[in-house]
Amino acid sequence: MRYEIETLISFLERLLVRASFDKDEASAIAKSLTLSERLGYSSHGIAQISRYIAELRAGNIVSGAPPKTLHETSNSLLVDAQLGVGQVVMPGVLRHAHSKLLTQASVTAAVRNCGHIGRLGEGSVPSTSATNRPAFGVSIALNCFGPLTVTMERIAPLES
């Protein structure tokens, strides 16, 4: 059976809201899963809907959890997602990391305690900045199921 995309998204949104996700999260998840399905990534598509509901009920995803920046430098970012919805957390992290590329050749972002993010490729950012400066790269370290230990320290040059 085939459904119109908007009909499917609307159905999934209602299902997620009924399961206690807030409307914005439900919309982000529904659109993400539907897009993955349409692009042929069924492993990250609508079959995942029951996983999201189960993870919410088990407390592994917290609806409405605001991400918290724990540490930030000119070329790095460490965020605790506080078990928030990955499709809500990651776009903000990627935008923030990408904005740092205006002044940095590379940026590293680490995210911990994050709910499933869906298909990371959908959160890709353009390869150039607003000023058309080439974006050399953003490195993301992500842990969806527990704490991620990241050490960020300045390394002094070796002395001869």
N, C-alpha and C. Protein backbone atom coordinates (compact mmCIF):
# COMPACT_ATOMS: atom_id res chain seq x y z
N MET A 1 0.85 -1.18 0.00
CA MET A 1 0.00 0.00 0.00
C MET A 1 0.89 1.24 0.00
N ARG A 2 0.55 2.22 -0.79
CA ARG A 2 1.31 3.46 -0.88
C ARG A 2 0.52 4.61 -0.25
N TYR A 3 1.26 5.50 0.39
CA TYR A 3 0.65 6.66 1.03
C TYR A 3 1.33 7.92 0.52
N GLU A 4 0.59 9.01 0.47
CA GLU A 4 1.19 10.30 0.16
C GLU A 4 2.16 10.65 1.29
N ILE A 5 3.25 11.31 0.95
CA ILE A 5 4.28 11.64 1.93
C ILE A 5 3.71 12.46 3.09
N GLU A 6 2.95 13.49 2.77
CA GLU A 6 2.40 14.34 3.83
C GLU A 6 1.44 13.57 4.73
N THR A 7 0.69 12.63 4.17
CA THR A 7 -0.22 11.81 4.96
C THR A 7 0.57 10.93 5.93
N LEU A 8 1.65 10.35 5.46
CA LEU A 8 2.49 9.50 6.29
C LEU A 8 3.17 10.31 7.39
N ILE A 9 3.73 11.46 7.04
CA ILE A 9 4.37 12.31 8.04
C ILE A 9 3.37 12.72 9.11
N SER A 10 2.19 13.13 8.69
CA SER A 10 1.15 13.54 9.64
C SER A 10 0.76 12.40 10.58
N PHE A 11 0.62 11.19 10.03
CA PHE A 11 0.28 10.02 10.84
C PHE A 11 1.38 9.76 11.88
N LEU A 12 2.64 9.78 11.43
CA LEU A 12 3.76 9.52 12.35
C LEU A 12 3.85 10.60 13.42
N GLU A 13 3.64 11.85 13.04
CA GLU A 13 3.65 12.95 14.02
C GLU A 13 2.60 12.72 15.10
N ARG A 14 1.37 12.39 14.69
CA ARG A 14 0.30 12.16 15.66
C ARG A 14 0.63 10.98 16.58
N LEU A 15 1.21 9.93 16.01
CA LEU A 15 1.59 8.76 16.79
C LEU A 15 2.64 9.14 17.84
N LEU A 16 3.63 9.91 17.45
CA LEU A 16 4.69 10.32 18.37
C LEU A 16 4.19 11.28 19.44
N VAL A 17 3.32 12.20 19.08
CA VAL A 17 2.75 13.12 20.07
C VAL A 17 1.92 12.33 21.08
N ARG A 18 1.18 11.37 20.60
CA ARG A 18 0.37 10.52 21.50
C ARG A 18 1.27 9.73 22.46
N ALA A 19 2.48 9.42 22.01
CA ALA A 19 3.44 8.69 22.86
C ALA A 19 4.17 9.63 23.83
N SER A 20 3.90 10.94 23.75
CA SER A 20 4.43 11.97 24.65
C SER A 20 5.65 12.73 24.15
N PHE A 21 5.97 12.65 22.87
CA PHE A 21 6.98 13.56 22.31
C PHE A 21 6.29 14.90 22.10
N ASP A 22 7.04 16.00 22.23
CA ASP A 22 6.40 17.29 21.93
C ASP A 22 6.26 17.43 20.41
N LYS A 23 5.45 18.37 19.97
CA LYS A 23 5.10 18.48 18.56
C LYS A 23 6.31 18.72 17.65
N ASP A 24 7.23 19.60 18.08
CA ASP A 24 8.40 19.87 17.25
C ASP A 24 9.29 18.63 17.11
N GLU A 25 9.47 17.91 18.20
CA GLU A 25 10.26 16.68 18.14
C GLU A 25 9.57 15.65 17.25
N ALA A 26 8.27 15.50 17.43
CA ALA A 26 7.51 14.54 16.63
C ALA A 26 7.64 14.86 15.14
N SER A 27 7.57 16.13 14.81
CA SER A 27 7.69 16.55 13.42
C SER A 27 9.09 16.23 12.88
N ALA A 28 10.13 16.55 13.67
CA ALA A 28 11.51 16.29 13.23
C ALA A 28 11.75 14.80 13.02
N ILE A 29 11.27 13.97 13.95
CA ILE A 29 11.46 12.53 13.83
C ILE A 29 10.69 11.99 12.63
N ALA A 30 9.43 12.38 12.50
CA ALA A 30 8.59 11.88 11.40
C ALA A 30 9.19 12.24 10.04
N LYS A 31 9.64 13.47 9.89
CA LYS A 31 10.25 13.89 8.62
C LYS A 31 11.55 13.15 8.36
N SER A 32 12.35 12.97 9.39
CA SER A 32 13.63 12.27 9.26
C SER A 32 13.42 10.81 8.83
N LEU A 33 12.54 10.11 9.52
CA LEU A 33 12.30 8.71 9.20
C LEU A 33 11.71 8.55 7.80
N THR A 34 10.81 9.44 7.43
CA THR A 34 10.19 9.38 6.12
C THR A 34 11.20 9.67 5.02
N LEU A 35 12.06 10.67 5.24
CA LEU A 35 13.10 10.99 4.26
C LEU A 35 14.05 9.80 4.08
N SER A 36 14.47 9.21 5.19
CA SER A 36 15.37 8.04 5.10
C SER A 36 14.72 6.92 4.31
N GLU A 37 13.46 6.70 4.57
CA GLU A 37 12.72 5.65 3.85
C GLU A 37 12.67 5.96 2.35
N ARG A 38 12.36 7.20 2.01
CA ARG A 38 12.28 7.60 0.60
C ARG A 38 13.61 7.48 -0.12
N LEU A 39 14.70 7.69 0.61
CA LEU A 39 16.02 7.62 0.00
C LEU A 39 16.58 6.20 -0.04
N GLY A 40 15.80 5.26 0.48
CA GLY A 40 16.22 3.86 0.41
C GLY A 40 16.97 3.37 1.63
N TYR A 41 17.02 4.18 2.68
CA TYR A 41 17.69 3.76 3.92
C TYR A 41 16.63 3.24 4.90
N SER A 42 16.02 2.13 4.54
CA SER A 42 14.92 1.62 5.36
C SER A 42 15.37 1.25 6.76
N SER A 43 16.66 0.96 6.95
CA SER A 43 17.16 0.66 8.30
C SER A 43 17.03 1.87 9.22
N HIS A 44 16.92 3.06 8.63
CA HIS A 44 16.75 4.29 9.40
C HIS A 44 15.40 4.95 9.05
N GLY A 45 14.50 4.17 8.51
CA GLY A 45 13.21 4.68 8.07
C GLY A 45 12.10 4.46 9.07
N ILE A 46 10.88 4.39 8.55
CA ILE A 46 9.70 4.38 9.42
C ILE A 46 9.59 3.14 10.30
N ALA A 47 10.31 2.08 9.99
CA ALA A 47 10.31 0.91 10.87
C ALA A 47 10.91 1.23 12.23
N GLN A 48 11.64 2.34 12.33
CA GLN A 48 12.26 2.75 13.60
C GLN A 48 11.26 3.41 14.56
N ILE A 49 10.06 3.68 14.12
CA ILE A 49 9.11 4.42 14.95
C ILE A 49 8.88 3.76 16.30
N SER A 50 8.78 2.44 16.30
CA SER A 50 8.55 1.74 17.57
C SER A 50 9.77 1.86 18.49
N ARG A 51 10.95 1.93 17.90
CA ARG A 51 12.16 2.12 18.71
C ARG A 51 12.12 3.45 19.45
N TYR A 52 11.74 4.51 18.74
CA TYR A 52 11.69 5.83 19.37
C TYR A 52 10.70 5.85 20.53
N ILE A 53 9.56 5.24 20.33
CA ILE A 53 8.54 5.21 21.39
C ILE A 53 9.05 4.38 22.57
N ALA A 54 9.67 3.24 22.29
CA ALA A 54 10.20 2.39 23.35
C ALA A 54 11.32 3.11 24.12
N GLU A 55 12.19 3.81 23.39
CA GLU A 55 13.29 4.54 24.04
C GLU A 55 12.75 5.66 24.92
N LEU A 56 11.69 6.33 24.48
CA LEU A 56 11.07 7.38 25.30
C LEU A 56 10.48 6.78 26.56
N ARG A 57 9.74 5.71 26.41
CA ARG A 57 9.11 5.06 27.57
C ARG A 57 10.13 4.52 28.56
N ALA A 58 11.28 4.07 28.05
CA ALA A 58 12.33 3.52 28.91
C ALA A 58 13.19 4.61 29.56
N GLY A 59 12.98 5.86 29.13
CA GLY A 59 13.76 6.97 29.67
C GLY A 59 15.11 7.17 28.99
N ASN A 60 15.34 6.48 27.88
CA ASN A 60 16.58 6.64 27.14
C ASN A 60 16.56 7.84 26.21
N ILE A 61 15.38 8.39 25.96
CA ILE A 61 15.18 9.66 25.27
C ILE A 61 14.28 10.47 26.17
N VAL A 62 14.59 11.75 26.33
CA VAL A 62 13.78 12.64 27.18
C VAL A 62 13.21 13.74 26.30
N SER A 63 11.91 13.76 26.19
CA SER A 63 11.24 14.78 25.38
C SER A 63 11.46 16.16 26.00
N GLY A 64 11.84 17.11 25.15
CA GLY A 64 12.02 18.48 25.61
C GLY A 64 13.34 18.76 26.28
N ALA A 65 14.25 17.79 26.33
CA ALA A 65 15.54 18.00 26.99
C ALA A 65 16.37 19.01 26.19
N PRO A 66 16.80 20.09 26.84
CA PRO A 66 17.62 21.08 26.12
C PRO A 66 19.09 20.67 26.11
N PRO A 67 19.75 20.75 24.96
CA PRO A 67 21.18 20.45 24.93
C PRO A 67 21.96 21.49 25.74
N LYS A 68 23.06 21.06 26.33
CA LYS A 68 23.87 21.95 27.16
C LYS A 68 25.31 21.92 26.67
N THR A 69 25.85 23.09 26.38
CA THR A 69 27.25 23.18 25.98
C THR A 69 28.11 23.08 27.23
N LEU A 70 28.98 22.06 27.27
CA LEU A 70 29.84 21.84 28.43
C LEU A 70 31.20 22.51 28.28
N HIS A 71 31.69 22.56 27.05
CA HIS A 71 33.00 23.16 26.80
C HIS A 71 33.03 23.64 25.36
N GLU A 72 33.69 24.79 25.17
CA GLU A 72 33.77 25.33 23.82
C GLU A 72 35.05 26.12 23.66
N THR A 73 35.69 25.93 22.52
CA THR A 73 36.85 26.73 22.13
C THR A 73 36.58 27.27 20.73
N SER A 74 37.55 27.95 20.17
CA SER A 74 37.34 28.51 18.83
C SER A 74 37.16 27.43 17.77
N ASN A 75 37.68 26.21 18.03
CA ASN A 75 37.54 25.15 17.04
C ASN A 75 37.02 23.84 17.61
N SER A 76 36.35 23.92 18.75
CA SER A 76 35.78 22.70 19.32
C SER A 76 34.52 23.00 20.11
N LEU A 77 33.76 21.94 20.30
CA LEU A 77 32.47 22.06 20.97
C LEU A 77 32.17 20.73 21.63
N LEU A 78 31.82 20.75 22.92
CA LEU A 78 31.39 19.55 23.63
C LEU A 78 29.98 19.82 24.15
N VAL A 79 29.04 19.00 23.72
CA VAL A 79 27.63 19.19 24.07
C VAL A 79 27.09 17.95 24.78
N ASP A 80 26.36 18.17 25.86
CA ASP A 80 25.60 17.10 26.50
C ASP A 80 24.16 17.27 26.03
N ALA A 81 23.67 16.31 25.28
CA ALA A 81 22.31 16.39 24.73
C ALA A 81 21.26 16.09 25.79
N GLN A 82 21.67 15.64 26.97
CA GLN A 82 20.77 15.35 28.08
C GLN A 82 19.64 14.40 27.68
N LEU A 83 20.00 13.43 26.84
CA LEU A 83 19.08 12.41 26.32
C LEU A 83 18.01 12.98 25.41
N GLY A 84 18.29 14.13 24.83
CA GLY A 84 17.35 14.75 23.91
C GLY A 84 17.26 14.00 22.58
N VAL A 85 16.27 14.36 21.81
CA VAL A 85 16.01 13.74 20.50
C VAL A 85 17.12 14.15 19.53
N GLY A 86 17.76 13.16 18.94
CA GLY A 86 18.89 13.41 18.05
C GLY A 86 18.55 14.29 16.87
N GLN A 87 17.36 14.12 16.29
CA GLN A 87 16.98 14.93 15.13
C GLN A 87 16.73 16.38 15.49
N VAL A 88 16.64 16.69 16.77
CA VAL A 88 16.49 18.06 17.22
C VAL A 88 17.86 18.60 17.64
N VAL A 89 18.65 17.80 18.34
CA VAL A 89 19.95 18.22 18.85
C VAL A 89 20.98 18.42 17.73
N MET A 90 21.12 17.43 16.86
CA MET A 90 22.21 17.45 15.88
C MET A 90 22.18 18.60 14.88
N PRO A 91 21.04 19.01 14.35
CA PRO A 91 21.08 20.16 13.44
C PRO A 91 21.66 21.41 14.09
N GLY A 92 21.34 21.64 15.36
CA GLY A 92 21.90 22.79 16.07
C GLY A 92 23.40 22.66 16.28
N VAL A 93 23.84 21.46 16.64
CA VAL A 93 25.27 21.23 16.83
C VAL A 93 26.02 21.43 15.51
N LEU A 94 25.48 20.88 14.43
CA LEU A 94 26.13 21.03 13.13
C LEU A 94 26.18 22.49 12.67
N ARG A 95 25.10 23.23 12.88
CA ARG A 95 25.10 24.66 12.52
C ARG A 95 26.17 25.40 13.32
N HIS A 96 26.22 25.12 14.62
CA HIS A 96 27.18 25.80 15.49
C HIS A 96 28.62 25.46 15.07
N ALA A 97 28.88 24.18 14.83
CA ALA A 97 30.21 23.76 14.40
C ALA A 97 30.57 24.39 13.05
N HIS A 98 29.61 24.40 12.15
CA HIS A 98 29.87 24.97 10.82
C HIS A 98 30.16 26.46 10.91
N SER A 99 29.50 27.17 11.81
CA SER A 99 29.75 28.62 11.95
C SER A 99 31.18 28.89 12.39
N LYS A 100 31.78 27.97 13.11
CA LYS A 100 33.17 28.12 13.55
C LYS A 100 34.14 28.03 12.38
N LEU A 101 33.71 27.41 11.28
CA LEU A 101 34.58 27.28 10.11
C LEU A 101 34.84 28.61 9.41
N LEU A 102 34.13 29.66 9.81
CA LEU A 102 34.42 30.98 9.25
C LEU A 102 35.81 31.45 9.64
N THR A 103 36.30 30.96 10.79
CA THR A 103 37.61 31.41 11.28
C THR A 103 38.58 30.26 11.53
N GLN A 104 38.15 29.04 11.35
CA GLN A 104 38.99 27.88 11.66
C GLN A 104 39.08 26.95 10.45
N ALA A 105 40.21 26.26 10.31
CA ALA A 105 40.39 25.32 9.21
C ALA A 105 39.65 24.01 9.47
N SER A 106 39.51 23.64 10.74
CA SER A 106 38.75 22.44 11.07
C SER A 106 38.12 22.63 12.44
N VAL A 107 37.05 21.90 12.67
CA VAL A 107 36.31 21.99 13.92
C VAL A 107 35.96 20.58 14.37
N THR A 108 36.05 20.35 15.66
CA THR A 108 35.66 19.07 16.23
C THR A 108 34.51 19.31 17.19
N ALA A 109 33.45 18.53 17.04
CA ALA A 109 32.31 18.60 17.96
C ALA A 109 32.08 17.22 18.54
N ALA A 110 31.83 17.17 19.82
CA ALA A 110 31.51 15.92 20.49
C ALA A 110 30.15 16.08 21.16
N VAL A 111 29.31 15.08 21.01
CA VAL A 111 27.98 15.11 21.59
C VAL A 111 27.80 13.84 22.40
N ARG A 112 27.38 13.99 23.64
CA ARG A 112 27.14 12.82 24.47
C ARG A 112 25.71 12.81 24.98
N ASN A 113 25.28 11.65 25.41
CA ASN A 113 23.92 11.47 25.96
C ASN A 113 22.85 11.93 24.98
N CYS A 114 22.97 11.49 23.75
CA CYS A 114 22.06 11.91 22.69
C CYS A 114 21.19 10.74 22.25
N GLY A 115 19.90 10.99 22.09
CA GLY A 115 19.02 9.99 21.52
C GLY A 115 19.39 9.72 20.07
N HIS A 116 18.86 8.67 19.52
CA HIS A 116 19.17 8.28 18.14
C HIS A 116 18.99 9.48 17.21
N ILE A 117 19.95 9.68 16.33
CA ILE A 117 19.94 10.88 15.47
C ILE A 117 19.34 10.61 14.10
N GLY A 118 18.96 9.37 13.83
CA GLY A 118 18.48 9.06 12.49
C GLY A 118 19.67 8.88 11.57
N ARG A 119 19.57 9.37 10.38
CA ARG A 119 20.63 9.26 9.37
C ARG A 119 21.45 10.54 9.38
N LEU A 120 22.69 10.46 9.87
CA LEU A 120 23.52 11.65 10.05
C LEU A 120 23.68 12.45 8.76
N GLY A 121 23.71 11.78 7.62
CA GLY A 121 23.89 12.48 6.35
C GLY A 121 22.84 13.53 6.07
N GLU A 122 21.65 13.39 6.64
CA GLU A 122 20.62 14.40 6.38
C GLU A 122 20.93 15.71 7.07
N GLY A 123 21.83 15.68 8.05
CA GLY A 123 22.21 16.90 8.75
C GLY A 123 23.43 17.57 8.17
N SER A 124 23.87 17.11 7.01
CA SER A 124 25.07 17.69 6.40
C SER A 124 24.86 19.17 6.14
N VAL A 125 25.94 19.89 6.30
CA VAL A 125 25.90 21.34 6.06
C VAL A 125 26.62 21.63 4.76
N PRO A 126 26.36 22.77 4.16
CA PRO A 126 27.02 23.11 2.90
C PRO A 126 28.54 23.11 3.05
N SER A 127 29.24 22.90 1.96
CA SER A 127 30.70 22.80 2.02
C SER A 127 31.38 24.16 1.98
N THR A 128 30.61 25.23 1.89
CA THR A 128 31.20 26.57 1.96
C THR A 128 30.40 27.39 2.96
N SER A 129 31.04 28.37 3.52
CA SER A 129 30.39 29.23 4.50
C SER A 129 29.58 30.31 3.79
N ALA A 130 28.95 31.15 4.58
CA ALA A 130 28.15 32.25 4.03
C ALA A 130 29.03 33.21 3.23
N THR A 131 30.32 33.24 3.54
CA THR A 131 31.23 34.13 2.82
C THR A 131 31.99 33.38 1.72
N ASN A 132 31.53 32.20 1.38
CA ASN A 132 32.14 31.33 0.38
C ASN A 132 33.55 30.89 0.74
N ARG A 133 33.89 30.97 2.01
CA ARG A 133 35.18 30.44 2.46
C ARG A 133 35.06 28.93 2.48
N PRO A 134 36.02 28.21 1.89
CA PRO A 134 35.94 26.75 1.89
C PRO A 134 35.87 26.20 3.30
N ALA A 135 35.01 25.24 3.50
CA ALA A 135 34.89 24.57 4.79
C ALA A 135 35.77 23.33 4.74
N PHE A 136 36.87 23.35 5.48
CA PHE A 136 37.81 22.25 5.41
C PHE A 136 37.33 21.02 6.14
N GLY A 137 36.49 21.16 7.13
CA GLY A 137 35.97 19.95 7.74
C GLY A 137 35.42 20.16 9.13
N VAL A 138 34.44 19.35 9.44
CA VAL A 138 33.89 19.27 10.78
C VAL A 138 33.95 17.80 11.16
N SER A 139 34.55 17.52 12.29
CA SER A 139 34.62 16.16 12.81
C SER A 139 33.63 16.04 13.95
N ILE A 140 32.78 15.02 13.90
CA ILE A 140 31.77 14.83 14.92
C ILE A 140 32.03 13.52 15.65
N ALA A 141 32.06 13.57 16.98
CA ALA A 141 32.11 12.36 17.80
C ALA A 141 30.76 12.28 18.49
N LEU A 142 30.07 11.18 18.30
CA LEU A 142 28.71 11.07 18.81
C LEU A 142 28.53 9.76 19.53
N ASN A 143 27.85 9.83 20.67
CA ASN A 143 27.51 8.63 21.40
C ASN A 143 26.03 8.69 21.73
N CYS A 144 25.29 7.77 21.19
CA CYS A 144 23.84 7.79 21.38
C CYS A 144 23.39 7.10 22.66
N PHE A 145 24.22 6.25 23.25
CA PHE A 145 23.71 5.39 24.31
C PHE A 145 24.41 5.52 25.65
N GLY A 146 25.07 6.61 25.91
CA GLY A 146 25.71 6.77 27.20
C GLY A 146 26.79 7.83 27.15
N PRO A 147 27.52 7.95 28.24
CA PRO A 147 28.52 9.00 28.31
C PRO A 147 29.67 8.78 27.35
N LEU A 148 30.18 9.86 26.86
CA LEU A 148 31.34 9.86 25.97
C LEU A 148 32.43 10.65 26.67
N THR A 149 33.56 10.03 26.88
CA THR A 149 34.66 10.73 27.54
C THR A 149 35.51 11.40 26.48
N VAL A 150 35.61 12.70 26.58
CA VAL A 150 36.41 13.47 25.63
C VAL A 150 37.36 14.35 26.42
N THR A 151 38.62 14.30 26.07
CA THR A 151 39.59 15.18 26.69
C THR A 151 39.93 16.26 25.69
N MET A 152 39.71 17.49 26.07
CA MET A 152 40.06 18.62 25.21
C MET A 152 41.07 19.46 25.97
N GLU A 153 42.31 19.43 25.54
CA GLU A 153 43.31 20.23 26.21
C GLU A 153 44.28 20.79 25.17
N ARG A 154 44.88 21.89 25.52
CA ARG A 154 45.87 22.51 24.64
C ARG A 154 47.15 21.71 24.74
N ILE A 155 47.71 21.39 23.62
CA ILE A 155 48.96 20.64 23.61
C ILE A 155 50.07 21.61 23.23
N ALA A 156 51.00 21.76 24.14
CA ALA A 156 52.12 22.69 23.91
C ALA A 156 53.07 22.11 22.89
N PRO A 157 53.74 22.97 22.11
CA PRO A 157 54.71 22.46 21.14
C PRO A 157 55.87 21.80 21.87
N LEU A 158 56.45 20.80 21.22
CA LEU A 158 57.61 20.12 21.78
C LEU A 158 58.80 21.08 21.81
N GLU A 159 59.51 21.05 22.88
CA GLU A 159 60.70 21.90 22.99
C GLU A 159 61.93 21.09 22.62
N SER A 160 62.85 21.71 21.93
CA SER A 160 64.07 20.98 21.55
C SER A 160 65.20 21.23 22.51
